[in-house]
Amino acid sequence: MIVIKDLTYSYHSRTTLFQELNLTLPSGKVYGLLGKNGAGKSSLIKNIAGLIFPHKGSCTINGLEARHRQPDFLAQLFFIPEECELPQVTIPVFVRIYSVFYKYFDEACFYEYLRIFNVPEKCQLQKLSFGQKKKIHIAFALAANTDVLIMDEPTNGLDIPSKIEFREIIARTRRYDKITIMSTHQVKDLDGLIDSVIIIDQGRVLLAADKEEIGQKLCFGAKLAGDETIIYGIDAPGGRMTVSRNTGAEVSSLDLELLFNAAIYNPSGIRDVFETL
């Protein structure tokens, strides 16, 4: 479990990004951390990973505080940055050097993920494209079998076939005791992948809820203008697509892009529905 308690973080003394932020992420879920560029996504996940430190408050993973970066803490977490830097070695050498830091690293799974991604197994890392390097980083991270996996913009650099392969691999590696956080501004790339949605803007959490709860409380689809249940709407070729209060008993299918826009452009409307925020 990840517990963020009263976290305050500033870029420098005059600019506070997070002010007494509180957030709890239970294990066993894939979380989508969504926000516009500059919303604070990268700063939040770097605080979780212990790469930057809060000025006040704390962030713990399974009881270990991130800022201390103890060996036990580092062994249970893998962080994939948006820009992937890899050493000037071959893939087998890379595996031999770095796999020893992860007790449950599965080499067979690593090479299986490379095959799914269509990455040659014995190539020189520095000769690969950005997208190929990203695939190797993702494959290694998943094969490490850590309790927590954090990915910053994981689909950047991946073409459409590779994004499909990424979905397949993520589905294979789900565990009841694992936390996966995927941070992105490319909302559509996470559709169907995640269990829970966290939307932030300007350092504030606008929404943190499981997909099932969202489907129970909100309805996504076409509605006529003037309907009092509408929270957000946008004109589309097929009519006006809306996010509205779900006044029925049926759970609505989630439209992640509509939800994101509703939270950004009508945060108070979303907050009124999710009273626990």
C-alpha atoms as a PDB file:
ATOM      1  CA  MET A   1       0.000   0.000   0.000  1.00  0.00           C
ATOM      2  CA  ILE A   2       1.118   3.532  -0.790  1.00  0.00           C
ATOM      3  CA  VAL A   3       0.175   6.187   1.754  1.00  0.00           C
ATOM      4  CA  ILE A   4       0.742   9.883   1.078  1.00  0.00           C
ATOM      5  CA  LYS A   5       0.060  11.947   4.196  1.00  0.00           C
ATOM      6  CA  ASP A   6      -0.034  15.749   4.440  1.00  0.00           C
ATOM      7  CA  LEU A   7       2.541  16.008   1.647  1.00  0.00           C
ATOM      8  CA  THR A   8       3.727  19.522   0.851  1.00  0.00           C
ATOM      9  CA  TYR A   9       6.164  20.013  -2.004  1.00  0.00           C
ATOM     10  CA  SER A  10       7.523  23.149  -3.653  1.00  0.00           C
ATOM     11  CA  TYR A  11       9.637  23.656  -6.755  1.00  0.00           C
ATOM     12  CA  HIS A  12      11.323  26.456  -4.833  1.00  0.00           C
ATOM     13  CA  SER A  13      10.441  28.613  -1.851  1.00  0.00           C
ATOM     14  CA  ARG A  14       7.853  30.709  -3.689  1.00  0.00           C
ATOM     15  CA  THR A  15       6.025  28.064  -5.722  1.00  0.00           C
ATOM     16  CA  THR A  16       4.105  25.389  -3.813  1.00  0.00           C
ATOM     17  CA  LEU A  17       2.868  22.536  -5.998  1.00  0.00           C
ATOM     18  CA  PHE A  18       1.321  20.203  -3.405  1.00  0.00           C
ATOM     19  CA  GLN A  19      -0.181  21.530  -0.185  1.00  0.00           C
ATOM     20  CA  GLU A  20      -0.953  18.890   2.482  1.00  0.00           C
ATOM     21  CA  LEU A  21      -1.848  16.275  -0.130  1.00  0.00           C
ATOM     22  CA  ASN A  22      -3.398  13.042   1.148  1.00  0.00           C
ATOM     23  CA  LEU A  23      -3.839   9.920  -0.961  1.00  0.00           C
ATOM     24  CA  THR A  24      -3.990   6.186  -0.248  1.00  0.00           C
ATOM     25  CA  LEU A  25      -3.407   3.571  -2.955  1.00  0.00           C
ATOM     26  CA  PRO A  26      -4.216  -0.019  -1.913  1.00  0.00           C
ATOM     27  CA  SER A  27      -2.387  -2.930  -3.524  1.00  0.00           C
ATOM     28  CA  GLY A  28      -3.802  -5.061  -6.316  1.00  0.00           C
ATOM     29  CA  LYS A  29      -4.736  -2.277  -8.723  1.00  0.00           C
ATOM     30  CA  VAL A  30      -3.512  -0.515 -11.834  1.00  0.00           C
ATOM     31  CA  TYR A  31      -3.824   3.239 -11.332  1.00  0.00           C
ATOM     32  CA  GLY A  32      -4.049   5.776 -14.109  1.00  0.00           C
ATOM     33  CA  LEU A  33      -2.552   9.105 -13.015  1.00  0.00           C
ATOM     34  CA  LEU A  34      -3.918  11.657 -15.464  1.00  0.00           C
ATOM     35  CA  GLY A  35      -3.233  15.333 -15.919  1.00  0.00           C
ATOM     36  CA  LYS A  36      -2.200  17.952 -18.417  1.00  0.00           C
ATOM     37  CA  ASN A  37       1.471  18.689 -18.995  1.00  0.00           C
ATOM     38  CA  GLY A  38       2.765  20.563 -15.952  1.00  0.00           C
ATOM     39  CA  ALA A  39      -0.086  19.419 -13.699  1.00  0.00           C
ATOM     40  CA  GLY A  40       2.287  17.801 -11.189  1.00  0.00           C
ATOM     41  CA  LYS A  41       2.157  14.161 -12.298  1.00  0.00           C
ATOM     42  CA  SER A  42       5.909  13.661 -12.548  1.00  0.00           C
ATOM     43  CA  SER A  43       6.553  15.439  -9.246  1.00  0.00           C
ATOM     44  CA  LEU A  44       4.006  13.230  -7.495  1.00  0.00           C
ATOM     45  CA  ILE A  45       5.396   9.938  -8.750  1.00  0.00           C
ATOM     46  CA  LYS A  46       8.968  11.065  -8.051  1.00  0.00           C
ATOM     47  CA  ASN A  47       7.947  11.799  -4.452  1.00  0.00           C
ATOM     48  CA  ILE A  48       6.450   8.305  -4.261  1.00  0.00           C
ATOM     49  CA  ALA A  49       9.648   6.788  -5.667  1.00  0.00           C
ATOM     50  CA  GLY A  50      11.917   8.776  -3.331  1.00  0.00           C
ATOM     51  CA  LEU A  51      13.593  10.629  -6.190  1.00  0.00           C
ATOM     52  CA  ILE A  52      12.570  14.012  -4.786  1.00  0.00           C
ATOM     53  CA  PHE A  53      11.555  14.806  -1.223  1.00  0.00           C
ATOM     54  CA  PRO A  54       8.568  16.602   0.314  1.00  0.00           C
ATOM     55  CA  HIS A  55       9.137  19.680   2.451  1.00  0.00           C
ATOM     56  CA  LYS A  56       6.496  18.426   4.867  1.00  0.00           C
ATOM     57  CA  GLY A  57       4.505  15.242   5.263  1.00  0.00           C
ATOM     58  CA  SER A  58       5.447  11.748   4.157  1.00  0.00           C
ATOM     59  CA  CYS A  59       5.097   9.105   1.491  1.00  0.00           C
ATOM     60  CA  THR A  60       5.401   5.433   2.428  1.00  0.00           C
ATOM     61  CA  ILE A  61       5.306   2.170   0.501  1.00  0.00           C
ATOM     62  CA  ASN A  62       4.391  -0.834   2.638  1.00  0.00           C
ATOM     63  CA  GLY A  63       5.432   1.153   5.708  1.00  0.00           C
ATOM     64  CA  LEU A  64       8.836   2.281   4.391  1.00  0.00           C
ATOM     65  CA  GLU A  65       9.294   6.013   3.920  1.00  0.00           C
ATOM     66  CA  ALA A  66      10.347   6.975   0.404  1.00  0.00           C
ATOM     67  CA  ARG A  67      12.744   9.749   1.394  1.00  0.00           C
ATOM     68  CA  HIS A  68      15.042   7.311   3.233  1.00  0.00           C
ATOM     69  CA  ARG A  69      15.549   5.118   0.132  1.00  0.00           C
ATOM     70  CA  GLN A  70      16.414   2.050   2.196  1.00  0.00           C
ATOM     71  CA  PRO A  71      17.583  -1.079   0.309  1.00  0.00           C
ATOM     72  CA  ASP A  72      14.335  -2.894   1.150  1.00  0.00           C
ATOM     73  CA  PHE A  73      12.372   0.049  -0.237  1.00  0.00           C
ATOM     74  CA  LEU A  74      14.366   0.206  -3.484  1.00  0.00           C
ATOM     75  CA  ALA A  75      14.124  -3.555  -4.007  1.00  0.00           C
ATOM     76  CA  GLN A  76      10.331  -3.477  -4.068  1.00  0.00           C
ATOM     77  CA  LEU A  77       9.958  -0.577  -6.504  1.00  0.00           C
ATOM     78  CA  PHE A  78      10.724  -0.033 -10.180  1.00  0.00           C
ATOM     79  CA  PHE A  79      10.440   3.407 -11.764  1.00  0.00           C
ATOM     80  CA  ILE A  80      10.402   3.972 -15.532  1.00  0.00           C
ATOM     81  CA  PRO A  81      11.061   7.632 -16.399  1.00  0.00           C
ATOM     82  CA  GLU A  82       9.674   9.241 -19.520  1.00  0.00           C
ATOM     83  CA  GLU A  83      13.163   9.462 -21.039  1.00  0.00           C
ATOM     84  CA  CYS A  84      14.876   6.076 -20.901  1.00  0.00           C
ATOM     85  CA  GLU A  85      18.672   6.037 -20.696  1.00  0.00           C
ATOM     86  CA  LEU A  86      20.369   2.674 -21.190  1.00  0.00           C
ATOM     87  CA  PRO A  87      24.092   1.780 -20.950  1.00  0.00           C
ATOM     88  CA  GLN A  88      26.300   0.958 -23.941  1.00  0.00           C
ATOM     89  CA  VAL A  89      26.075  -2.811 -23.592  1.00  0.00           C
ATOM     90  CA  THR A  90      24.187  -5.687 -25.182  1.00  0.00           C
ATOM     91  CA  ILE A  91      20.857  -6.868 -23.803  1.00  0.00           C
ATOM     92  CA  PRO A  92      22.306 -10.045 -22.177  1.00  0.00           C
ATOM     93  CA  VAL A  93      24.986  -7.979 -20.415  1.00  0.00           C
ATOM     94  CA  PHE A  94      22.360  -5.469 -19.291  1.00  0.00           C
ATOM     95  CA  VAL A  95      20.313  -8.278 -17.763  1.00  0.00           C
ATOM     96  CA  ARG A  96      23.342  -9.802 -16.050  1.00  0.00           C
ATOM     97  CA  ILE A  97      24.356  -6.465 -14.479  1.00  0.00           C
ATOM     98  CA  TYR A  98      20.994  -5.177 -13.280  1.00  0.00           C
ATOM     99  CA  SER A  99      18.823  -8.225 -12.601  1.00  0.00           C
ATOM    100  CA  VAL A 100      20.765  -9.023  -9.401  1.00  0.00           C
ATOM    101  CA  PHE A 101      19.132  -6.030  -7.691  1.00  0.00           C
ATOM    102  CA  TYR A 102      15.685  -7.628  -7.987  1.00  0.00           C
ATOM    103  CA  LYS A 103      15.145 -10.807  -5.999  1.00  0.00           C
ATOM    104  CA  TYR A 104      12.243 -12.045  -8.099  1.00  0.00           C
ATOM    105  CA  PHE A 105      13.536 -11.085 -11.538  1.00  0.00           C
ATOM    106  CA  ASP A 106      12.327 -13.600 -14.142  1.00  0.00           C
ATOM    107  CA  GLU A 107      14.735 -13.775 -17.080  1.00  0.00           C
ATOM    108  CA  ALA A 108      12.470 -16.074 -19.097  1.00  0.00           C
ATOM    109  CA  CYS A 109       9.619 -13.578 -18.794  1.00  0.00           C
ATOM    110  CA  PHE A 110      11.914 -10.726 -19.817  1.00  0.00           C
ATOM    111  CA  TYR A 111      12.837 -12.409 -23.089  1.00  0.00           C
ATOM    112  CA  GLU A 112       9.218 -13.414 -23.665  1.00  0.00           C
ATOM    113  CA  TYR A 113       8.177  -9.759 -23.349  1.00  0.00           C
ATOM    114  CA  LEU A 114      10.915  -8.785 -25.812  1.00  0.00           C
ATOM    115  CA  ARG A 115       9.519 -11.316 -28.279  1.00  0.00           C
ATOM    116  CA  ILE A 116       6.040  -9.842 -27.903  1.00  0.00           C
ATOM    117  CA  PHE A 117       7.525  -6.385 -28.509  1.00  0.00           C
ATOM    118  CA  ASN A 118       9.534  -7.686 -31.507  1.00  0.00           C
ATOM    119  CA  VAL A 119      12.853  -6.529 -30.027  1.00  0.00           C
ATOM    120  CA  PRO A 120      16.010  -8.494 -31.020  1.00  0.00           C
ATOM    121  CA  GLU A 121      17.436 -10.309 -27.996  1.00  0.00           C
ATOM    122  CA  LYS A 122      21.169  -9.708 -28.521  1.00  0.00           C
ATOM    123  CA  CYS A 123      21.403  -6.214 -29.946  1.00  0.00           C
ATOM    124  CA  GLN A 124      23.519  -3.281 -28.736  1.00  0.00           C
ATOM    125  CA  LEU A 125      21.283  -1.022 -26.650  1.00  0.00           C
ATOM    126  CA  GLN A 126      22.709   2.275 -27.900  1.00  0.00           C
ATOM    127  CA  LYS A 127      21.889   1.384 -31.506  1.00  0.00           C
ATOM    128  CA  LEU A 128      18.167   1.113 -30.813  1.00  0.00           C
ATOM    129  CA  SER A 129      15.510   3.751 -31.420  1.00  0.00           C
ATOM    130  CA  PHE A 130      13.811   5.593 -28.562  1.00  0.00           C
ATOM    131  CA  GLY A 131      10.750   3.357 -28.902  1.00  0.00           C
ATOM    132  CA  GLN A 132      12.820   0.159 -28.810  1.00  0.00           C
ATOM    133  CA  LYS A 133      14.669   1.362 -25.713  1.00  0.00           C
ATOM    134  CA  LYS A 134      11.333   2.110 -24.060  1.00  0.00           C
ATOM    135  CA  LYS A 135      10.172  -1.444 -24.808  1.00  0.00           C
ATOM    136  CA  ILE A 136      13.312  -2.921 -23.218  1.00  0.00           C
ATOM    137  CA  HIS A 137      12.838  -0.771 -20.134  1.00  0.00           C
ATOM    138  CA  ILE A 138       9.189  -1.847 -19.835  1.00  0.00           C
ATOM    139  CA  ALA A 139      10.042  -5.525 -20.357  1.00  0.00           C
ATOM    140  CA  PHE A 140      12.779  -5.396 -17.711  1.00  0.00           C
ATOM    141  CA  ALA A 141      10.547  -3.557 -15.237  1.00  0.00           C
ATOM    142  CA  LEU A 142       7.768  -6.112 -15.561  1.00  0.00           C
ATOM    143  CA  ALA A 143      10.188  -9.041 -15.342  1.00  0.00           C
ATOM    144  CA  ALA A 144      11.598  -7.564 -12.109  1.00  0.00           C
ATOM    145  CA  ASN A 145       8.314  -8.502 -10.371  1.00  0.00           C
ATOM    146  CA  THR A 146       8.473  -5.665  -7.863  1.00  0.00           C
ATOM    147  CA  ASP A 147       5.562  -4.838  -5.553  1.00  0.00           C
ATOM    148  CA  VAL A 148       5.312  -1.339  -7.030  1.00  0.00           C
ATOM    149  CA  LEU A 149       5.797  -0.339 -10.661  1.00  0.00           C
ATOM    150  CA  ILE A 150       5.646   3.331 -11.645  1.00  0.00           C
ATOM    151  CA  MET A 151       5.700   4.375 -15.293  1.00  0.00           C
ATOM    152  CA  ASP A 152       5.929   7.983 -16.454  1.00  0.00           C
ATOM    153  CA  GLU A 153       4.354   8.386 -19.919  1.00  0.00           C
ATOM    154  CA  PRO A 154       4.862   4.669 -20.720  1.00  0.00           C
ATOM    155  CA  THR A 155       3.349   4.821 -24.214  1.00  0.00           C
ATOM    156  CA  ASN A 156       5.476   7.747 -25.437  1.00  0.00           C
ATOM    157  CA  GLY A 157       7.566   6.491 -28.336  1.00  0.00           C
ATOM    158  CA  LEU A 158       5.365   3.452 -28.973  1.00  0.00           C
ATOM    159  CA  ASP A 159       3.570   3.080 -32.296  1.00  0.00           C
ATOM    160  CA  ILE A 160       0.025   1.692 -32.523  1.00  0.00           C
ATOM    161  CA  PRO A 161       1.020  -2.015 -32.796  1.00  0.00           C
ATOM    162  CA  SER A 162       3.419  -1.566 -29.863  1.00  0.00           C
ATOM    163  CA  LYS A 163       0.665  -0.001 -27.753  1.00  0.00           C
ATOM    164  CA  ILE A 164      -1.458  -3.091 -28.386  1.00  0.00           C
ATOM    165  CA  GLU A 165       1.473  -5.291 -27.332  1.00  0.00           C
ATOM    166  CA  PHE A 166       1.935  -3.106 -24.236  1.00  0.00           C
ATOM    167  CA  ARG A 167      -1.687  -3.755 -23.239  1.00  0.00           C
ATOM    168  CA  GLU A 168      -1.191  -7.493 -23.668  1.00  0.00           C
ATOM    169  CA  ILE A 169       1.909  -7.547 -21.466  1.00  0.00           C
ATOM    170  CA  ILE A 170       0.324  -5.406 -18.730  1.00  0.00           C
ATOM    171  CA  ALA A 171      -2.674  -7.755 -18.657  1.00  0.00           C
ATOM    172  CA  ARG A 172      -0.325 -10.727 -18.202  1.00  0.00           C
ATOM    173  CA  THR A 173       1.512  -9.221 -15.252  1.00  0.00           C
ATOM    174  CA  ARG A 174      -1.396  -8.208 -13.003  1.00  0.00           C
ATOM    175  CA  ARG A 175      -1.057  -9.404  -9.395  1.00  0.00           C
ATOM    176  CA  TYR A 176      -3.325  -9.106  -6.381  1.00  0.00           C
ATOM    177  CA  ASP A 177      -0.448  -7.725  -4.269  1.00  0.00           C
ATOM    178  CA  LYS A 178       1.033  -5.317  -6.829  1.00  0.00           C
ATOM    179  CA  ILE A 179       0.561  -1.593  -7.396  1.00  0.00           C
ATOM    180  CA  THR A 180       1.050  -0.238 -10.898  1.00  0.00           C
ATOM    181  CA  ILE A 181       0.888   3.510 -11.532  1.00  0.00           C
ATOM    182  CA  MET A 182       0.834   4.823 -15.090  1.00  0.00           C
ATOM    183  CA  SER A 183       1.193   8.574 -15.390  1.00  0.00           C
ATOM    184  CA  THR A 184       0.189  10.164 -18.682  1.00  0.00           C
ATOM    185  CA  HIS A 185      -1.499  13.047 -20.457  1.00  0.00           C
ATOM    186  CA  GLN A 186      -2.438  10.688 -23.310  1.00  0.00           C
ATOM    187  CA  VAL A 187      -5.704   9.630 -21.731  1.00  0.00           C
ATOM    188  CA  LYS A 188      -6.897   7.269 -24.471  1.00  0.00           C
ATOM    189  CA  ASP A 189      -3.806   5.081 -24.130  1.00  0.00           C
ATOM    190  CA  LEU A 190      -4.948   3.889 -20.689  1.00  0.00           C
ATOM    191  CA  ASP A 191      -8.561   3.168 -21.617  1.00  0.00           C
ATOM    192  CA  GLY A 192      -9.361  -0.403 -20.599  1.00  0.00           C
ATOM    193  CA  LEU A 193      -6.026  -0.877 -18.803  1.00  0.00           C
ATOM    194  CA  ILE A 194      -6.635   0.677 -15.406  1.00  0.00           C
ATOM    195  CA  ASP A 195      -8.751  -0.136 -12.353  1.00  0.00           C
ATOM    196  CA  SER A 196      -8.656   3.260 -10.692  1.00  0.00           C
ATOM    197  CA  VAL A 197      -8.413   6.853 -11.906  1.00  0.00           C
ATOM    198  CA  ILE A 198      -6.491   9.719 -10.310  1.00  0.00           C
ATOM    199  CA  ILE A 199      -6.824  13.098 -12.010  1.00  0.00           C
ATOM    200  CA  ILE A 200      -4.679  16.011 -10.873  1.00  0.00           C
ATOM    201  CA  ASP A 201      -4.400  19.609 -11.999  1.00  0.00           C
ATOM    202  CA  GLN A 202      -2.179  22.375 -10.637  1.00  0.00           C
ATOM    203  CA  GLY A 203      -1.084  20.128  -7.780  1.00  0.00           C
ATOM    204  CA  ARG A 204      -4.633  19.284  -6.662  1.00  0.00           C
ATOM    205  CA  VAL A 205      -6.323  15.882  -6.783  1.00  0.00           C
ATOM    206  CA  LEU A 206      -9.574  16.472  -8.662  1.00  0.00           C
ATOM    207  CA  LEU A 207     -10.684  12.841  -8.600  1.00  0.00           C
ATOM    208  CA  ALA A 208      -9.465   9.574  -7.093  1.00  0.00           C
ATOM    209  CA  ALA A 209     -11.893   6.713  -7.589  1.00  0.00           C
ATOM    210  CA  ASP A 210     -12.212   3.156  -8.871  1.00  0.00           C
ATOM    211  CA  LYS A 211     -13.806   2.654 -12.278  1.00  0.00           C
ATOM    212  CA  GLU A 212     -16.751   0.802 -10.737  1.00  0.00           C
ATOM    213  CA  GLU A 213     -17.546   3.703  -8.410  1.00  0.00           C
ATOM    214  CA  ILE A 214     -17.263   6.141 -11.312  1.00  0.00           C
ATOM    215  CA  GLY A 215     -19.694   4.049 -13.369  1.00  0.00           C
ATOM    216  CA  GLN A 216     -22.146   3.982 -10.469  1.00  0.00           C
ATOM    217  CA  LYS A 217     -22.062   7.737  -9.900  1.00  0.00           C
ATOM    218  CA  LEU A 218     -21.601   9.069 -13.436  1.00  0.00           C
ATOM    219  CA  CYS A 219     -23.191   8.366 -16.795  1.00  0.00           C
ATOM    220  CA  PHE A 220     -21.419   8.822 -20.142  1.00  0.00           C
ATOM    221  CA  GLY A 221     -23.263   9.334 -23.418  1.00  0.00           C
ATOM    222  CA  ALA A 222     -25.483  11.569 -25.544  1.00  0.00           C
ATOM    223  CA  LYS A 223     -28.005  13.816 -23.798  1.00  0.00           C
ATOM    224  CA  LEU A 224     -30.068  16.807 -24.806  1.00  0.00           C
ATOM    225  CA  ALA A 225     -28.882  20.235 -23.708  1.00  0.00           C
ATOM    226  CA  GLY A 226     -30.708  21.483 -20.650  1.00  0.00           C
ATOM    227  CA  ASP A 227     -30.700  18.187 -18.762  1.00  0.00           C
ATOM    228  CA  GLU A 228     -30.045  19.156 -15.136  1.00  0.00           C
ATOM    229  CA  THR A 229     -27.902  16.078 -14.484  1.00  0.00           C
ATOM    230  CA  ILE A 230     -25.231  17.126 -17.016  1.00  0.00           C
ATOM    231  CA  ILE A 231     -21.842  18.017 -15.512  1.00  0.00           C
ATOM    232  CA  TYR A 232     -19.888  18.424 -18.743  1.00  0.00           C
ATOM    233  CA  GLY A 233     -20.683  18.217 -22.435  1.00  0.00           C
ATOM    234  CA  ILE A 234     -18.947  18.559 -25.769  1.00  0.00           C
ATOM    235  CA  ASP A 235     -20.304  18.630 -29.311  1.00  0.00           C
ATOM    236  CA  ALA A 236     -19.295  15.590 -31.371  1.00  0.00           C
ATOM    237  CA  PRO A 237     -20.175  14.281 -34.853  1.00  0.00           C
ATOM    238  CA  GLY A 238     -22.726  11.866 -33.380  1.00  0.00           C
ATOM    239  CA  GLY A 239     -24.357  14.476 -31.137  1.00  0.00           C
ATOM    240  CA  ARG A 240     -23.547  16.107 -27.811  1.00  0.00           C
ATOM    241  CA  MET A 241     -21.520  13.751 -25.626  1.00  0.00           C
ATOM    242  CA  THR A 242     -21.910  14.337 -21.906  1.00  0.00           C
ATOM    243  CA  VAL A 243     -20.865  13.351 -18.423  1.00  0.00           C
ATOM    244  CA  SER A 244     -23.844  13.436 -16.085  1.00  0.00           C
ATOM    245  CA  ARG A 245     -24.991  12.199 -12.708  1.00  0.00           C
ATOM    246  CA  ASN A 246     -26.052   8.568 -12.884  1.00  0.00           C
ATOM    247  CA  THR A 247     -29.592   8.585 -11.539  1.00  0.00           C
ATOM    248  CA  GLY A 248     -30.320   4.969 -12.468  1.00  0.00           C
ATOM    249  CA  ALA A 249     -29.324   1.593 -11.072  1.00  0.00           C
ATOM    250  CA  GLU A 250     -27.220   0.516 -14.057  1.00  0.00           C
ATOM    251  CA  VAL A 251     -23.440   0.978 -13.987  1.00  0.00           C
ATOM    252  CA  SER A 252     -22.324   3.146 -16.904  1.00  0.00           C
ATOM    253  CA  SER A 253     -19.406   2.300 -19.186  1.00  0.00           C
ATOM    254  CA  LEU A 254     -16.496   4.657 -18.563  1.00  0.00           C
ATOM    255  CA  ASP A 255     -15.364   7.145 -21.195  1.00  0.00           C
ATOM    256  CA  LEU A 256     -11.960   8.096 -19.817  1.00  0.00           C
ATOM    257  CA  GLU A 257     -11.418  11.076 -22.101  1.00  0.00           C
ATOM    258  CA  LEU A 258     -14.822  12.583 -21.274  1.00  0.00           C
ATOM    259  CA  LEU A 259     -14.199  12.013 -17.563  1.00  0.00           C
ATOM    260  CA  PHE A 260     -10.815  13.725 -17.768  1.00  0.00           C
ATOM    261  CA  ASN A 261     -12.273  16.775 -19.512  1.00  0.00           C
ATOM    262  CA  ALA A 262     -15.140  16.958 -17.025  1.00  0.00           C
ATOM    263  CA  ALA A 263     -12.722  16.941 -14.081  1.00  0.00           C
ATOM    264  CA  ILE A 264     -10.498  19.603 -15.664  1.00  0.00           C
ATOM    265  CA  TYR A 265     -13.228  21.969 -16.854  1.00  0.00           C
ATOM    266  CA  ASN A 266     -15.831  21.438 -14.129  1.00  0.00           C
ATOM    267  CA  PRO A 267     -13.930  20.259 -11.045  1.00  0.00           C
ATOM    268  CA  SER A 268     -16.605  21.471  -8.633  1.00  0.00           C
ATOM    269  CA  GLY A 269     -19.241  19.455 -10.498  1.00  0.00           C
ATOM    270  CA  ILE A 270     -17.153  16.299 -10.179  1.00  0.00           C
ATOM    271  CA  ARG A 271     -16.316  17.064  -6.551  1.00  0.00           C
ATOM    272  CA  ASP A 272     -20.019  17.403  -5.703  1.00  0.00           C
ATOM    273  CA  VAL A 273     -20.640  13.873  -6.997  1.00  0.00           C
ATOM    274  CA  PHE A 274     -17.689  12.316  -5.184  1.00  0.00           C
ATOM    275  CA  GLU A 275     -18.308  13.739  -1.740  1.00  0.00           C
ATOM    276  CA  THR A 276     -15.343  11.966  -0.167  1.00  0.00           C
ATOM    277  CA  LEU A 277     -12.803  14.184  -1.982  1.00  0.00           C
END
